[in-house]
Amino acid sequence: MELTRIIADFIIETKQADIPQSVYEHAKIALLALAEYNKKNGIDFLTAYIIGFKAGVVIGECAGMDHYMHGWHATSTIGHFAAV
């Protein structure tokens, strides 16, 4: 039941933050392939996905629009931290 609550909180938080769907679609596809390759279960997949996504969101919020306005693209800079 704890995992269900965590996932529900994550979905609500993501929707409230008005985060574009493309932000989390990139990671989901790669992580799904990696989880399948390493024979991980659904709980491991969701846990890794939520932690990585949250890390990317927090770092992105810290970087702010100045990051983008100075010519950086979050996928190539912040995405690395989320992926790890």
Protein backbone atom coordinates (compact mmCIF):
# COMPACT_ATOMS: atom_id res chain seq x y z
CA MET A 1 0.00 0.00 0.00
CA GLU A 2 2.91 2.34 0.67
CA LEU A 3 4.07 2.09 -2.96
CA THR A 4 0.57 3.01 -4.17
CA ARG A 5 0.56 6.12 -1.98
CA ILE A 6 4.02 7.14 -3.19
CA ILE A 7 3.01 6.74 -6.84
CA ALA A 8 -0.25 8.65 -6.29
CA ASP A 9 1.60 11.50 -4.54
CA PHE A 10 4.12 11.59 -7.37
CA ILE A 11 1.42 11.79 -10.05
CA ILE A 12 -0.43 14.55 -8.20
CA GLU A 13 2.79 16.51 -7.61
CA THR A 14 3.78 16.17 -11.27
CA LYS A 15 0.40 17.41 -12.49
CA GLN A 16 0.40 20.34 -10.04
CA ALA A 17 3.90 21.36 -11.11
CA ASP A 18 2.67 21.60 -14.73
CA ILE A 19 5.67 19.62 -15.98
CA PRO A 20 5.53 18.86 -19.73
CA GLN A 21 4.95 15.21 -20.59
CA SER A 22 8.07 15.14 -22.77
CA VAL A 23 10.21 15.59 -19.65
CA TYR A 24 9.35 12.19 -18.28
CA GLU A 25 8.66 10.32 -21.54
CA HIS A 26 12.36 10.29 -22.51
CA ALA A 27 13.44 8.61 -19.28
CA LYS A 28 10.59 6.14 -19.11
CA ILE A 29 11.47 4.43 -22.40
CA ALA A 30 15.17 4.05 -21.59
CA LEU A 31 14.54 2.91 -18.02
CA LEU A 32 11.96 0.36 -19.14
CA ALA A 33 14.46 -1.20 -21.54
CA LEU A 34 17.16 -1.23 -18.87
CA ALA A 35 14.83 -2.80 -16.29
CA GLU A 36 13.81 -5.51 -18.74
CA TYR A 37 17.43 -6.21 -19.69
CA ASN A 38 18.41 -6.57 -16.01
CA LYS A 39 15.28 -8.62 -15.22
CA LYS A 40 13.97 -6.15 -12.64
CA ASN A 41 10.40 -6.24 -11.37
CA GLY A 42 7.78 -3.48 -11.57
CA ILE A 43 8.48 -2.17 -8.08
CA ASP A 44 12.19 -1.74 -8.85
CA PHE A 45 11.29 -0.01 -12.12
CA LEU A 46 8.83 2.41 -10.51
CA THR A 47 11.15 3.16 -7.60
CA ALA A 48 14.05 4.00 -9.91
CA TYR A 49 11.81 6.04 -12.19
CA ILE A 50 10.29 8.11 -9.40
CA ILE A 51 13.62 8.80 -7.70
CA GLY A 52 15.30 9.80 -10.97
CA PHE A 53 12.40 11.96 -12.06
CA LYS A 54 12.24 13.74 -8.72
CA ALA A 55 15.99 14.39 -8.82
CA GLY A 56 15.67 15.90 -12.30
CA VAL A 57 12.76 18.12 -11.27
CA VAL A 58 14.53 19.43 -8.17
CA ILE A 59 17.75 20.16 -10.05
CA GLY A 60 15.77 21.77 -12.88
CA GLU A 61 13.92 24.02 -10.45
CA CYS A 62 17.22 25.06 -8.91
CA ALA A 63 18.71 25.86 -12.34
CA GLY A 64 15.68 27.92 -13.30
CA MET A 65 15.12 29.72 -16.58
CA ASP A 66 18.56 31.35 -16.43
CA HIS A 67 19.98 27.96 -17.33
CA TYR A 68 17.99 27.92 -20.56
CA MET A 69 18.44 31.62 -21.30
CA HIS A 70 22.22 31.16 -21.23
CA GLY A 71 21.97 28.62 -24.03
CA TRP A 72 21.91 25.36 -22.08
CA HIS A 73 19.41 22.61 -22.79
CA ALA A 74 18.17 20.72 -19.73
CA THR A 75 18.10 17.35 -21.52
CA SER A 76 21.87 17.48 -22.02
CA THR A 77 22.76 18.92 -18.65
CA ILE A 78 20.17 18.12 -15.99
CA GLY A 79 19.04 14.90 -17.70
CA HIS A 80 22.34 13.23 -16.84
CA PHE A 81 21.73 13.66 -13.12
CA ALA A 82 18.18 12.32 -13.38
CA ALA A 83 19.38 9.33 -15.37
CA VAL A 84 22.01 8.35 -12.84
